[in-house]
Amino acid sequence: MRRLSGLQYVRGIAACGVLAYHAADRAGVRMGLGEAGVDLFFVLSGFLMWAITDETSRPGTFLLDRLKRILPGYWAATSVMLAGALAGLFPAVRLTVGHVFASYAFLPWISPSNGQVWPLLVPGWTLNYEVAFYGLFALVLLVPRGRQLGLLTLVLAGLALADGVLRPESTAMRFYTDPHILEFLGGLWLGWLWEKGGPSPALAPLLALAAVLGFAVSQMLPAGWPKPALFGLPALLAVAAVLGRERRPGGIGGWPLLEGLGDASYSIYLWHTLGLSVSARVAHMLGLPVLPAIALHVATGLAVGLAGYALVERPMIRHFAARRRRLREAVAGAA
């Protein structure tokens, strides 16, 4: 599959949206639209998992590739958070063995610090969904390609339906039946549509307009609405619009800044809250007004995220790429 620059731009925008949401929250302001960054990530994940696999894909290889992509950065950021908590830098954080273990193992667990189903590194709650989705997708790779999408649709839609019908009481079941999982399903169907030659470039402007209107309407609706209705549908339309634009000859032109943000989006998402912990103290000490405080939070979160990309994520990507290259050369030499 060729590199789709437009999707990189969406990743960068999504990460910066989440950063802006948390930066505003630190300053006591609600920026609800920034939450949609998570929904964009879920739709993108569903699309990419379908688009990067085919009938030759194997569960073990698929899972290994996915874990290589997400584990090093997440474990590094979680370890920094844990070290800071042990050193007393985060006085509001309460540590228990079960919660720390669950945080590293991508398991939903009620945080002793705030009563929410959040890991030690709060943004990691979305990775709990991602890893579960990867596990489900890997299992479905065992069946013929023609049946995979139907099976995934049954399972994901069935889990979401169970949330409304059964009202599960256990933490894990409430977590995994949350309607958020339907956004992965929407991305999967977009992947299937892409495989069939869609979306049409002619529809891209209409899809983009519908996405903008959807996000605008989401700001007028009660915050308690299910996320797939609030942000999931506009996110799906936005990604579809970008894919339609990618269908044009030459795809989407190069925007180095957005592409760089897209490359670093995972690290920005992982590391930015650690940066905000520092900037919040600085803003409080300086008595900064709301807007300068938000600007400081955004700049600090972005800087820490980019540092995480340069120091952790990119070296690990290069390490695994070099290992893969050496293995291929060894196999070729043996043949």
C-alpha atoms as a PDB file:
ATOM      1  CA  MET A   1       0.000   0.000   0.000  1.00  0.00           C
ATOM      2  CA  ARG A   2       1.450   3.392  -0.985  1.00  0.00           C
ATOM      3  CA  ARG A   3       1.999   6.021   1.679  1.00  0.00           C
ATOM      4  CA  LEU A   4      -1.114   8.178   1.982  1.00  0.00           C
ATOM      5  CA  SER A   5       0.111  11.619   2.993  1.00  0.00           C
ATOM      6  CA  GLY A   6      -3.423  12.811   3.704  1.00  0.00           C
ATOM      7  CA  LEU A   7      -3.816  10.238   6.463  1.00  0.00           C
ATOM      8  CA  GLN A   8      -0.556  11.423   8.009  1.00  0.00           C
ATOM      9  CA  TYR A   9      -1.988  14.933   8.055  1.00  0.00           C
ATOM     10  CA  VAL A  10      -5.112  13.648   9.796  1.00  0.00           C
ATOM     11  CA  ARG A  11      -2.974  11.853  12.383  1.00  0.00           C
ATOM     12  CA  GLY A  12      -1.049  15.034  13.107  1.00  0.00           C
ATOM     13  CA  ILE A  13      -4.229  17.099  13.387  1.00  0.00           C
ATOM     14  CA  ALA A  14      -5.811  14.482  15.652  1.00  0.00           C
ATOM     15  CA  ALA A  15      -2.817  14.445  18.023  1.00  0.00           C
ATOM     16  CA  CYS A  16      -2.718  18.236  18.153  1.00  0.00           C
ATOM     17  CA  GLY A  17      -6.464  18.294  18.788  1.00  0.00           C
ATOM     18  CA  VAL A  18      -6.065  16.055  21.832  1.00  0.00           C
ATOM     19  CA  LEU A  19      -3.142  18.202  22.996  1.00  0.00           C
ATOM     20  CA  ALA A  20      -5.245  21.370  22.638  1.00  0.00           C
ATOM     21  CA  TYR A  21      -8.121  19.752  24.532  1.00  0.00           C
ATOM     22  CA  HIS A  22      -5.896  18.864  27.481  1.00  0.00           C
ATOM     23  CA  ALA A  23      -4.082  22.216  27.344  1.00  0.00           C
ATOM     24  CA  ALA A  24      -7.392  24.077  27.553  1.00  0.00           C
ATOM     25  CA  ASP A  25      -8.568  21.799  30.342  1.00  0.00           C
ATOM     26  CA  ARG A  26      -5.435  22.641  32.348  1.00  0.00           C
ATOM     27  CA  ALA A  27      -6.372  26.312  31.981  1.00  0.00           C
ATOM     28  CA  GLY A  28      -9.942  25.663  33.120  1.00  0.00           C
ATOM     29  CA  VAL A  29     -11.491  25.948  29.657  1.00  0.00           C
ATOM     30  CA  ARG A  30     -13.473  23.279  27.834  1.00  0.00           C
ATOM     31  CA  MET A  31     -12.468  22.672  24.204  1.00  0.00           C
ATOM     32  CA  GLY A  32     -14.783  19.803  23.370  1.00  0.00           C
ATOM     33  CA  LEU A  33     -13.835  19.551  19.715  1.00  0.00           C
ATOM     34  CA  GLY A  34     -10.318  18.464  20.656  1.00  0.00           C
ATOM     35  CA  GLU A  35     -11.798  15.213  21.974  1.00  0.00           C
ATOM     36  CA  ALA A  36     -12.560  14.257  18.383  1.00  0.00           C
ATOM     37  CA  GLY A  37      -8.862  13.531  17.895  1.00  0.00           C
ATOM     38  CA  VAL A  38      -9.410  10.194  19.638  1.00  0.00           C
ATOM     39  CA  ASP A  39     -12.301   9.349  17.321  1.00  0.00           C
ATOM     40  CA  LEU A  40     -10.168  10.166  14.291  1.00  0.00           C
ATOM     41  CA  PHE A  41      -7.476   7.819  15.600  1.00  0.00           C
ATOM     42  CA  PHE A  42      -9.970   4.976  16.033  1.00  0.00           C
ATOM     43  CA  VAL A  43     -11.376   5.399  12.514  1.00  0.00           C
ATOM     44  CA  LEU A  44      -7.847   5.567  11.090  1.00  0.00           C
ATOM     45  CA  SER A  45      -6.867   2.431  12.985  1.00  0.00           C
ATOM     46  CA  GLY A  46      -9.781   0.467  11.586  1.00  0.00           C
ATOM     47  CA  PHE A  47      -8.997   1.642   8.060  1.00  0.00           C
ATOM     48  CA  LEU A  48      -5.272   0.925   8.273  1.00  0.00           C
ATOM     49  CA  MET A  49      -5.639  -2.557   9.747  1.00  0.00           C
ATOM     50  CA  TRP A  50      -7.789  -3.541   6.787  1.00  0.00           C
ATOM     51  CA  ALA A  51      -5.654  -1.720   4.235  1.00  0.00           C
ATOM     52  CA  ILE A  52      -2.291  -3.153   5.328  1.00  0.00           C
ATOM     53  CA  THR A  53      -3.464  -6.785   5.423  1.00  0.00           C
ATOM     54  CA  ASP A  54      -4.605  -9.243   2.786  1.00  0.00           C
ATOM     55  CA  GLU A  55      -5.293 -12.950   2.378  1.00  0.00           C
ATOM     56  CA  THR A  56      -1.595 -13.760   3.014  1.00  0.00           C
ATOM     57  CA  SER A  57      -1.413 -11.970   6.391  1.00  0.00           C
ATOM     58  CA  ARG A  58      -0.755 -14.126   9.439  1.00  0.00           C
ATOM     59  CA  PRO A  59      -1.889 -13.433  13.026  1.00  0.00           C
ATOM     60  CA  GLY A  60       1.520 -13.815  14.662  1.00  0.00           C
ATOM     61  CA  THR A  61       3.336 -11.523  12.258  1.00  0.00           C
ATOM     62  CA  PHE A  62       0.512  -8.987  12.368  1.00  0.00           C
ATOM     63  CA  LEU A  63       0.485  -8.837  16.176  1.00  0.00           C
ATOM     64  CA  LEU A  64       4.260  -8.666  16.429  1.00  0.00           C
ATOM     65  CA  ASP A  65       4.402  -5.755  14.004  1.00  0.00           C
ATOM     66  CA  ARG A  66       1.662  -3.921  15.905  1.00  0.00           C
ATOM     67  CA  LEU A  67       3.309  -4.441  19.292  1.00  0.00           C
ATOM     68  CA  LYS A  68       6.679  -3.306  17.984  1.00  0.00           C
ATOM     69  CA  ARG A  69       4.952  -0.127  16.886  1.00  0.00           C
ATOM     70  CA  ILE A  70       3.215   0.764  20.133  1.00  0.00           C
ATOM     71  CA  LEU A  71       4.968  -0.990  23.035  1.00  0.00           C
ATOM     72  CA  PRO A  72       8.358   0.793  23.266  1.00  0.00           C
ATOM     73  CA  GLY A  73       6.976   4.323  23.347  1.00  0.00           C
ATOM     74  CA  TYR A  74       4.089   3.528  25.649  1.00  0.00           C
ATOM     75  CA  TRP A  75       6.169   1.560  28.130  1.00  0.00           C
ATOM     76  CA  ALA A  76       8.839   4.288  28.127  1.00  0.00           C
ATOM     77  CA  ALA A  77       6.294   7.052  28.821  1.00  0.00           C
ATOM     78  CA  THR A  78       4.539   4.930  31.455  1.00  0.00           C
ATOM     79  CA  SER A  79       7.876   4.223  33.152  1.00  0.00           C
ATOM     80  CA  VAL A  80       8.682   7.937  33.295  1.00  0.00           C
ATOM     81  CA  MET A  81       5.252   8.534  34.826  1.00  0.00           C
ATOM     82  CA  LEU A  82       5.820   5.749  37.354  1.00  0.00           C
ATOM     83  CA  ALA A  83       9.267   7.056  38.290  1.00  0.00           C
ATOM     84  CA  GLY A  84       7.854  10.556  38.751  1.00  0.00           C
ATOM     85  CA  ALA A  85       5.049   9.240  40.955  1.00  0.00           C
ATOM     86  CA  LEU A  86       7.506   7.235  43.085  1.00  0.00           C
ATOM     87  CA  ALA A  87       9.663  10.353  43.431  1.00  0.00           C
ATOM     88  CA  GLY A  88       6.665  12.353  44.636  1.00  0.00           C
ATOM     89  CA  LEU A  89       6.471  14.604  41.584  1.00  0.00           C
ATOM     90  CA  PHE A  90       2.796  13.762  41.062  1.00  0.00           C
ATOM     91  CA  PRO A  91       1.240  14.007  44.545  1.00  0.00           C
ATOM     92  CA  ALA A  92      -2.276  13.298  43.241  1.00  0.00           C
ATOM     93  CA  VAL A  93      -1.216   9.898  41.859  1.00  0.00           C
ATOM     94  CA  ARG A  94      -1.871   6.873  44.042  1.00  0.00           C
ATOM     95  CA  LEU A  95      -0.037   3.686  43.133  1.00  0.00           C
ATOM     96  CA  THR A  96      -1.200   0.097  43.550  1.00  0.00           C
ATOM     97  CA  VAL A  97       0.461  -3.030  42.194  1.00  0.00           C
ATOM     98  CA  GLY A  98      -2.676  -4.093  40.315  1.00  0.00           C
ATOM     99  CA  HIS A  99      -3.143  -0.748  38.606  1.00  0.00           C
ATOM    100  CA  VAL A 100       0.513  -0.474  37.617  1.00  0.00           C
ATOM    101  CA  PHE A 101       0.513  -4.012  36.200  1.00  0.00           C
ATOM    102  CA  ALA A 102      -2.718  -3.371  34.284  1.00  0.00           C
ATOM    103  CA  SER A 103      -1.253  -0.141  32.907  1.00  0.00           C
ATOM    104  CA  TYR A 104       1.686  -1.993  31.368  1.00  0.00           C
ATOM    105  CA  ALA A 105      -0.492  -4.901  30.205  1.00  0.00           C
ATOM    106  CA  PHE A 106      -3.129  -2.761  28.401  1.00  0.00           C
ATOM    107  CA  LEU A 107      -5.900  -3.969  30.704  1.00  0.00           C
ATOM    108  CA  PRO A 108      -8.796  -1.747  31.799  1.00  0.00           C
ATOM    109  CA  TRP A 109      -8.504  -1.011  35.523  1.00  0.00           C
ATOM    110  CA  ILE A 110     -10.089   1.545  37.812  1.00  0.00           C
ATOM    111  CA  SER A 111      -7.478   4.125  38.746  1.00  0.00           C
ATOM    112  CA  PRO A 112      -7.059   4.539  42.521  1.00  0.00           C
ATOM    113  CA  SER A 113      -6.249   8.203  41.867  1.00  0.00           C
ATOM    114  CA  ASN A 114      -9.547   9.297  40.333  1.00  0.00           C
ATOM    115  CA  GLY A 115     -11.919   6.335  40.065  1.00  0.00           C
ATOM    116  CA  GLN A 116     -11.834   6.375  36.249  1.00  0.00           C
ATOM    117  CA  VAL A 117     -10.921   3.423  34.030  1.00  0.00           C
ATOM    118  CA  TRP A 118      -7.594   4.995  33.161  1.00  0.00           C
ATOM    119  CA  PRO A 119      -4.060   3.592  33.176  1.00  0.00           C
ATOM    120  CA  LEU A 120      -1.190   5.285  34.981  1.00  0.00           C
ATOM    121  CA  LEU A 121      -0.442   7.252  31.803  1.00  0.00           C
ATOM    122  CA  VAL A 122      -3.936   8.588  31.191  1.00  0.00           C
ATOM    123  CA  PRO A 123      -3.842   8.797  27.352  1.00  0.00           C
ATOM    124  CA  GLY A 124      -3.121   5.072  27.351  1.00  0.00           C
ATOM    125  CA  TRP A 125      -6.826   4.303  27.816  1.00  0.00           C
ATOM    126  CA  THR A 126      -7.209   4.457  24.052  1.00  0.00           C
ATOM    127  CA  LEU A 127      -4.370   1.953  23.629  1.00  0.00           C
ATOM    128  CA  ASN A 128      -6.339  -0.513  25.743  1.00  0.00           C
ATOM    129  CA  TYR A 129      -8.960  -0.384  22.980  1.00  0.00           C
ATOM    130  CA  GLU A 130      -6.320  -0.517  20.248  1.00  0.00           C
ATOM    131  CA  VAL A 131      -4.593  -3.609  21.638  1.00  0.00           C
ATOM    132  CA  ALA A 132      -7.924  -5.396  22.126  1.00  0.00           C
ATOM    133  CA  PHE A 133      -8.848  -4.506  18.542  1.00  0.00           C
ATOM    134  CA  TYR A 134      -5.495  -5.820  17.286  1.00  0.00           C
ATOM    135  CA  GLY A 135      -6.075  -9.072  19.160  1.00  0.00           C
ATOM    136  CA  LEU A 136      -9.545  -9.480  17.666  1.00  0.00           C
ATOM    137  CA  PHE A 137      -8.272  -8.622  14.196  1.00  0.00           C
ATOM    138  CA  ALA A 138      -5.433 -11.135  14.519  1.00  0.00           C
ATOM    139  CA  LEU A 139      -7.916 -13.895  15.372  1.00  0.00           C
ATOM    140  CA  VAL A 140     -10.094 -13.002  12.391  1.00  0.00           C
ATOM    141  CA  LEU A 141      -7.063 -13.324  10.111  1.00  0.00           C
ATOM    142  CA  LEU A 142      -7.412 -17.083  10.646  1.00  0.00           C
ATOM    143  CA  VAL A 143     -10.561 -17.164   8.492  1.00  0.00           C
ATOM    144  CA  PRO A 144     -10.726 -16.528   4.724  1.00  0.00           C
ATOM    145  CA  ARG A 145     -10.470 -12.871   3.682  1.00  0.00           C
ATOM    146  CA  GLY A 146     -13.974 -12.841   2.245  1.00  0.00           C
ATOM    147  CA  ARG A 147     -15.479 -13.593   5.659  1.00  0.00           C
ATOM    148  CA  GLN A 148     -13.315 -11.350   7.811  1.00  0.00           C
ATOM    149  CA  LEU A 149     -15.244  -8.092   7.507  1.00  0.00           C
ATOM    150  CA  GLY A 150     -18.595  -9.760   8.144  1.00  0.00           C
ATOM    151  CA  LEU A 151     -17.238 -11.499  11.229  1.00  0.00           C
ATOM    152  CA  LEU A 152     -15.675  -8.310  12.564  1.00  0.00           C
ATOM    153  CA  THR A 153     -18.950  -6.474  11.983  1.00  0.00           C
ATOM    154  CA  LEU A 154     -20.902  -9.085  13.924  1.00  0.00           C
ATOM    155  CA  VAL A 155     -18.497  -9.060  16.855  1.00  0.00           C
ATOM    156  CA  LEU A 156     -18.009  -5.291  17.177  1.00  0.00           C
ATOM    157  CA  ALA A 157     -21.670  -4.422  16.574  1.00  0.00           C
ATOM    158  CA  GLY A 158     -22.688  -7.193  18.960  1.00  0.00           C
ATOM    159  CA  LEU A 159     -20.421  -5.852  21.704  1.00  0.00           C
ATOM    160  CA  ALA A 160     -21.759  -2.326  21.262  1.00  0.00           C
ATOM    161  CA  LEU A 161     -25.326  -3.637  21.351  1.00  0.00           C
ATOM    162  CA  ALA A 162     -24.558  -5.543  24.548  1.00  0.00           C
ATOM    163  CA  ASP A 163     -23.695  -2.266  26.255  1.00  0.00           C
ATOM    164  CA  GLY A 164     -27.206  -0.953  25.751  1.00  0.00           C
ATOM    165  CA  VAL A 165     -29.068  -4.225  26.299  1.00  0.00           C
ATOM    166  CA  LEU A 166     -27.167  -6.033  29.041  1.00  0.00           C
ATOM    167  CA  ARG A 167     -25.710  -3.065  30.937  1.00  0.00           C
ATOM    168  CA  PRO A 168     -22.667  -5.091  32.068  1.00  0.00           C
ATOM    169  CA  GLU A 169     -21.403  -4.415  35.570  1.00  0.00           C
ATOM    170  CA  SER A 170     -17.801  -5.603  35.382  1.00  0.00           C
ATOM    171  CA  THR A 171     -15.176  -2.995  34.580  1.00  0.00           C
ATOM    172  CA  ALA A 172     -13.778  -4.961  31.645  1.00  0.00           C
ATOM    173  CA  MET A 173     -17.158  -5.648  30.035  1.00  0.00           C
ATOM    174  CA  ARG A 174     -18.296  -2.032  30.420  1.00  0.00           C
ATOM    175  CA  PHE A 175     -15.042  -0.929  28.830  1.00  0.00           C
ATOM    176  CA  TYR A 176     -15.033  -3.318  25.878  1.00  0.00           C
ATOM    177  CA  THR A 177     -18.718  -2.825  25.056  1.00  0.00           C
ATOM    178  CA  ASP A 178     -18.470   0.962  24.940  1.00  0.00           C
ATOM    179  CA  PRO A 179     -19.905   2.317  21.632  1.00  0.00           C
ATOM    180  CA  HIS A 180     -16.463   3.785  20.883  1.00  0.00           C
ATOM    181  CA  ILE A 181     -15.613   0.428  19.287  1.00  0.00           C
ATOM    182  CA  LEU A 182     -18.006   1.185  16.422  1.00  0.00           C
ATOM    183  CA  GLU A 183     -15.477   3.732  15.164  1.00  0.00           C
ATOM    184  CA  PHE A 184     -13.018   0.904  14.466  1.00  0.00           C
ATOM    185  CA  LEU A 185     -15.807  -0.774  12.523  1.00  0.00           C
ATOM    186  CA  GLY A 186     -16.436   2.354  10.475  1.00  0.00           C
ATOM    187  CA  GLY A 187     -12.738   2.483   9.611  1.00  0.00           C
ATOM    188  CA  LEU A 188     -12.782  -1.180   8.588  1.00  0.00           C
ATOM    189  CA  TRP A 189     -15.592  -0.543   6.146  1.00  0.00           C
ATOM    190  CA  LEU A 190     -13.696   2.444   4.769  1.00  0.00           C
ATOM    191  CA  GLY A 191     -10.754   0.094   4.223  1.00  0.00           C
ATOM    192  CA  TRP A 192     -13.022  -2.289   2.343  1.00  0.00           C
ATOM    193  CA  LEU A 193     -14.337   0.613   0.248  1.00  0.00           C
ATOM    194  CA  TRP A 194     -10.770   1.725  -0.508  1.00  0.00           C
ATOM    195  CA  GLU A 195      -9.946  -1.825  -1.609  1.00  0.00           C
ATOM    196  CA  LYS A 196     -12.870  -1.646  -4.052  1.00  0.00           C
ATOM    197  CA  GLY A 197     -11.683   1.632  -5.586  1.00  0.00           C
ATOM    198  CA  GLY A 198     -13.558   4.187  -3.510  1.00  0.00           C
ATOM    199  CA  PRO A 199     -14.298   6.776  -2.279  1.00  0.00           C
ATOM    200  CA  SER A 200     -14.694   8.702  -5.510  1.00  0.00           C
ATOM    201  CA  PRO A 201     -12.643  11.907  -5.846  1.00  0.00           C
ATOM    202  CA  ALA A 202     -15.824  13.658  -6.983  1.00  0.00           C
ATOM    203  CA  LEU A 203     -17.398  13.012  -3.581  1.00  0.00           C
ATOM    204  CA  ALA A 204     -14.456  14.365  -1.583  1.00  0.00           C
ATOM    205  CA  PRO A 205     -15.712  17.989  -1.356  1.00  0.00           C
ATOM    206  CA  LEU A 206     -19.199  16.864  -0.290  1.00  0.00           C
ATOM    207  CA  LEU A 207     -17.750  14.485   2.286  1.00  0.00           C
ATOM    208  CA  ALA A 208     -15.501  17.233   3.630  1.00  0.00           C
ATOM    209  CA  LEU A 209     -18.439  19.652   3.902  1.00  0.00           C
ATOM    210  CA  ALA A 210     -20.525  17.017   5.677  1.00  0.00           C
ATOM    211  CA  ALA A 211     -17.634  16.381   8.112  1.00  0.00           C
ATOM    212  CA  VAL A 212     -17.282  20.087   8.914  1.00  0.00           C
ATOM    213  CA  LEU A 213     -21.030  20.413   9.471  1.00  0.00           C
ATOM    214  CA  GLY A 214     -20.995  17.272  11.618  1.00  0.00           C
ATOM    215  CA  PHE A 215     -18.240  18.624  13.858  1.00  0.00           C
ATOM    216  CA  ALA A 216     -20.046  21.955  14.105  1.00  0.00           C
ATOM    217  CA  VAL A 217     -23.316  20.283  15.104  1.00  0.00           C
ATOM    218  CA  SER A 218     -21.448  18.156  17.674  1.00  0.00           C
ATOM    219  CA  GLN A 219     -20.624  21.347  19.573  1.00  0.00           C
ATOM    220  CA  MET A 220     -24.337  22.099  19.956  1.00  0.00           C
ATOM    221  CA  LEU A 221     -25.296  18.647  21.253  1.00  0.00           C
ATOM    222  CA  PRO A 222     -25.168  17.506  24.892  1.00  0.00           C
ATOM    223  CA  ALA A 223     -21.737  16.210  25.905  1.00  0.00           C
ATOM    224  CA  GLY A 224     -23.356  13.025  27.184  1.00  0.00           C
ATOM    225  CA  TRP A 225     -24.234  11.794  23.703  1.00  0.00           C
ATOM    226  CA  PRO A 226     -22.450   8.569  22.650  1.00  0.00           C
ATOM    227  CA  LYS A 227     -19.100   9.431  21.105  1.00  0.00           C
ATOM    228  CA  PRO A 228     -19.822   7.618  17.796  1.00  0.00           C
ATOM    229  CA  ALA A 229     -22.808   9.925  17.289  1.00  0.00           C
ATOM    230  CA  LEU A 230     -21.064  13.025  18.592  1.00  0.00           C
ATOM    231  CA  PHE A 231     -17.667  12.736  16.917  1.00  0.00           C
ATOM    232  CA  GLY A 232     -17.439   9.293  15.309  1.00  0.00           C
ATOM    233  CA  LEU A 233     -19.612  10.002  12.267  1.00  0.00           C
ATOM    234  CA  PRO A 234     -17.934  13.342  11.434  1.00  0.00           C
ATOM    235  CA  ALA A 235     -14.535  11.661  11.908  1.00  0.00           C
ATOM    236  CA  LEU A 236     -15.557   8.890   9.512  1.00  0.00           C
ATOM    237  CA  LEU A 237     -16.687  11.473   6.944  1.00  0.00           C
ATOM    238  CA  ALA A 238     -13.448  13.424   7.340  1.00  0.00           C
ATOM    239  CA  VAL A 239     -11.261  10.372   6.729  1.00  0.00           C
ATOM    240  CA  ALA A 240     -13.459   9.377   3.772  1.00  0.00           C
ATOM    241  CA  ALA A 241     -13.025  12.877   2.317  1.00  0.00           C
ATOM    242  CA  VAL A 242      -9.237  12.614   2.605  1.00  0.00           C
ATOM    243  CA  LEU A 243      -9.273   9.191   0.976  1.00  0.00           C
ATOM    244  CA  GLY A 244     -11.421  10.523  -1.852  1.00  0.00           C
ATOM    245  CA  ARG A 245      -8.885  13.289  -2.375  1.00  0.00           C
ATOM    246  CA  GLU A 246      -6.112  10.670  -2.388  1.00  0.00           C
ATOM    247  CA  ARG A 247      -7.844   9.016  -5.349  1.00  0.00           C
ATOM    248  CA  ARG A 248      -6.923  11.954  -7.548  1.00  0.00           C
ATOM    249  CA  PRO A 249      -3.773  11.561  -9.707  1.00  0.00           C
ATOM    250  CA  GLY A 250      -0.787  12.354  -7.531  1.00  0.00           C
ATOM    251  CA  GLY A 251      -2.810  12.058  -4.342  1.00  0.00           C
ATOM    252  CA  ILE A 252      -2.515  14.938  -1.874  1.00  0.00           C
ATOM    253  CA  GLY A 253       0.418  17.306  -2.278  1.00  0.00           C
ATOM    254  CA  GLY A 254       3.262  17.482   0.200  1.00  0.00           C
ATOM    255  CA  TRP A 255       2.938  19.577   3.364  1.00  0.00           C
ATOM    256  CA  PRO A 256       6.188  18.924   5.258  1.00  0.00           C
ATOM    257  CA  LEU A 257       5.020  20.455   8.558  1.00  0.00           C
ATOM    258  CA  LEU A 258       1.802  18.429   8.672  1.00  0.00           C
ATOM    259  CA  GLU A 259       3.620  15.308   7.540  1.00  0.00           C
ATOM    260  CA  GLY A 260       6.172  15.776  10.309  1.00  0.00           C
ATOM    261  CA  LEU A 261       3.390  16.171  12.873  1.00  0.00           C
ATOM    262  CA  GLY A 262       1.793  13.027  11.485  1.00  0.00           C
ATOM    263  CA  ASP A 263       5.034  11.087  11.837  1.00  0.00           C
ATOM    264  CA  ALA A 264       5.348  12.248  15.453  1.00  0.00           C
ATOM    265  CA  SER A 265       1.625  12.013  16.257  1.00  0.00           C
ATOM    266  CA  TYR A 266       1.890   8.866  18.381  1.00  0.00           C
ATOM    267  CA  SER A 267       4.651  10.368  20.523  1.00  0.00           C
ATOM    268  CA  ILE A 268       2.813  13.676  20.827  1.00  0.00           C
ATOM    269  CA  TYR A 269      -0.236  11.772  22.006  1.00  0.00           C
ATOM    270  CA  LEU A 270       1.745   9.685  24.511  1.00  0.00           C
ATOM    271  CA  TRP A 271       4.073  12.273  26.006  1.00  0.00           C
ATOM    272  CA  HIS A 272       2.161  15.549  25.979  1.00  0.00           C
ATOM    273  CA  THR A 273       0.455  15.102  29.364  1.00  0.00           C
ATOM    274  CA  LEU A 274       3.850  14.782  31.042  1.00  0.00           C
ATOM    275  CA  GLY A 275       4.779  18.123  29.527  1.00  0.00           C
ATOM    276  CA  LEU A 276       1.510  19.636  30.707  1.00  0.00           C
ATOM    277  CA  SER A 277       2.285  18.573  34.271  1.00  0.00           C
ATOM    278  CA  VAL A 278       5.342  20.847  34.118  1.00  0.00           C
ATOM    279  CA  SER A 279       3.702  23.748  32.263  1.00  0.00           C
ATOM    280  CA  ALA A 280       0.732  23.747  34.658  1.00  0.00           C
ATOM    281  CA  ARG A 281       3.049  24.409  37.577  1.00  0.00           C
ATOM    282  CA  VAL A 282       4.868  27.138  35.685  1.00  0.00           C
ATOM    283  CA  ALA A 283       1.607  28.803  34.652  1.00  0.00           C
ATOM    284  CA  HIS A 284       0.387  28.688  38.266  1.00  0.00           C
ATOM    285  CA  MET A 285       3.646  30.167  39.613  1.00  0.00           C
ATOM    286  CA  LEU A 286       3.556  32.975  37.042  1.00  0.00           C
ATOM    287  CA  GLY A 287      -0.166  33.586  37.445  1.00  0.00           C
ATOM    288  CA  LEU A 288      -0.699  33.464  33.681  1.00  0.00           C
ATOM    289  CA  PRO A 289      -4.097  34.426  32.221  1.00  0.00           C
ATOM    290  CA  VAL A 290      -6.056  31.785  30.317  1.00  0.00           C
ATOM    291  CA  LEU A 291      -4.830  32.349  26.762  1.00  0.00           C
ATOM    292  CA  PRO A 292      -1.099  32.631  27.574  1.00  0.00           C
ATOM    293  CA  ALA A 293      -1.465  29.583  29.816  1.00  0.00           C
ATOM    294  CA  ILE A 294      -3.028  27.559  27.005  1.00  0.00           C
ATOM    295  CA  ALA A 295      -0.281  28.693  24.624  1.00  0.00           C
ATOM    296  CA  LEU A 296       2.373  27.615  27.150  1.00  0.00           C
ATOM    297  CA  HIS A 297       0.691  24.231  27.635  1.00  0.00           C
ATOM    298  CA  VAL A 298       0.442  23.600  23.888  1.00  0.00           C
ATOM    299  CA  ALA A 299       4.058  24.603  23.274  1.00  0.00           C
ATOM    300  CA  THR A 300       5.347  22.484  26.163  1.00  0.00           C
ATOM    301  CA  GLY A 301       3.241  19.443  25.286  1.00  0.00           C
ATOM    302  CA  LEU A 302       4.307  19.652  21.653  1.00  0.00           C
ATOM    303  CA  ALA A 303       7.987  20.039  22.566  1.00  0.00           C
ATOM    304  CA  VAL A 304       7.910  17.039  24.917  1.00  0.00           C
ATOM    305  CA  GLY A 305       6.041  14.976  22.317  1.00  0.00           C
ATOM    306  CA  LEU A 306       8.550  15.804  19.594  1.00  0.00           C
ATOM    307  CA  ALA A 307      11.397  14.986  21.978  1.00  0.00           C
ATOM    308  CA  GLY A 308       9.757  11.612  22.680  1.00  0.00           C
ATOM    309  CA  TYR A 309       9.592  10.982  18.948  1.00  0.00           C
ATOM    310  CA  ALA A 310      13.232  11.935  18.363  1.00  0.00           C
ATOM    311  CA  LEU A 311      14.648  10.102  21.372  1.00  0.00           C
ATOM    312  CA  VAL A 312      12.418   7.035  21.681  1.00  0.00           C
ATOM    313  CA  GLU A 313      10.031   6.317  18.825  1.00  0.00           C
ATOM    314  CA  ARG A 314      12.159   7.084  15.764  1.00  0.00           C
ATOM    315  CA  PRO A 315      15.253   5.190  17.050  1.00  0.00           C
ATOM    316  CA  MET A 316      13.061   2.164  17.805  1.00  0.00           C
ATOM    317  CA  ILE A 317      11.480   2.283  14.341  1.00  0.00           C
ATOM    318  CA  ARG A 318      14.937   2.399  12.781  1.00  0.00           C
ATOM    319  CA  HIS A 319      16.139  -0.426  15.039  1.00  0.00           C
ATOM    320  CA  PHE A 320      13.323  -2.760  14.028  1.00  0.00           C
ATOM    321  CA  ALA A 321      13.695  -1.774  10.364  1.00  0.00           C
ATOM    322  CA  ALA A 322      17.426  -2.568  10.486  1.00  0.00           C
ATOM    323  CA  ARG A 323      16.746  -5.936  12.131  1.00  0.00           C
ATOM    324  CA  ARG A 324      14.182  -6.775   9.467  1.00  0.00           C
ATOM    325  CA  ARG A 325      16.616  -5.794   6.733  1.00  0.00           C
ATOM    326  CA  ARG A 326      19.417  -7.916   8.217  1.00  0.00           C
ATOM    327  CA  LEU A 327      17.059 -10.884   8.514  1.00  0.00           C
ATOM    328  CA  ARG A 328      16.026 -10.577   4.867  1.00  0.00           C
ATOM    329  CA  GLU A 329      19.668 -10.341   3.805  1.00  0.00           C
ATOM    330  CA  ALA A 330      20.517 -13.417   5.861  1.00  0.00           C
ATOM    331  CA  VAL A 331      17.633 -15.375   4.334  1.00  0.00           C
ATOM    332  CA  ALA A 332      18.630 -14.232   0.831  1.00  0.00           C
ATOM    333  CA  GLY A 333      22.244 -15.246   1.499  1.00  0.00           C
ATOM    334  CA  ALA A 334      21.239 -18.663   2.758  1.00  0.00           C
ATOM    335  CA  ALA A 335      19.133 -19.237  -0.351  1.00  0.00           C
END
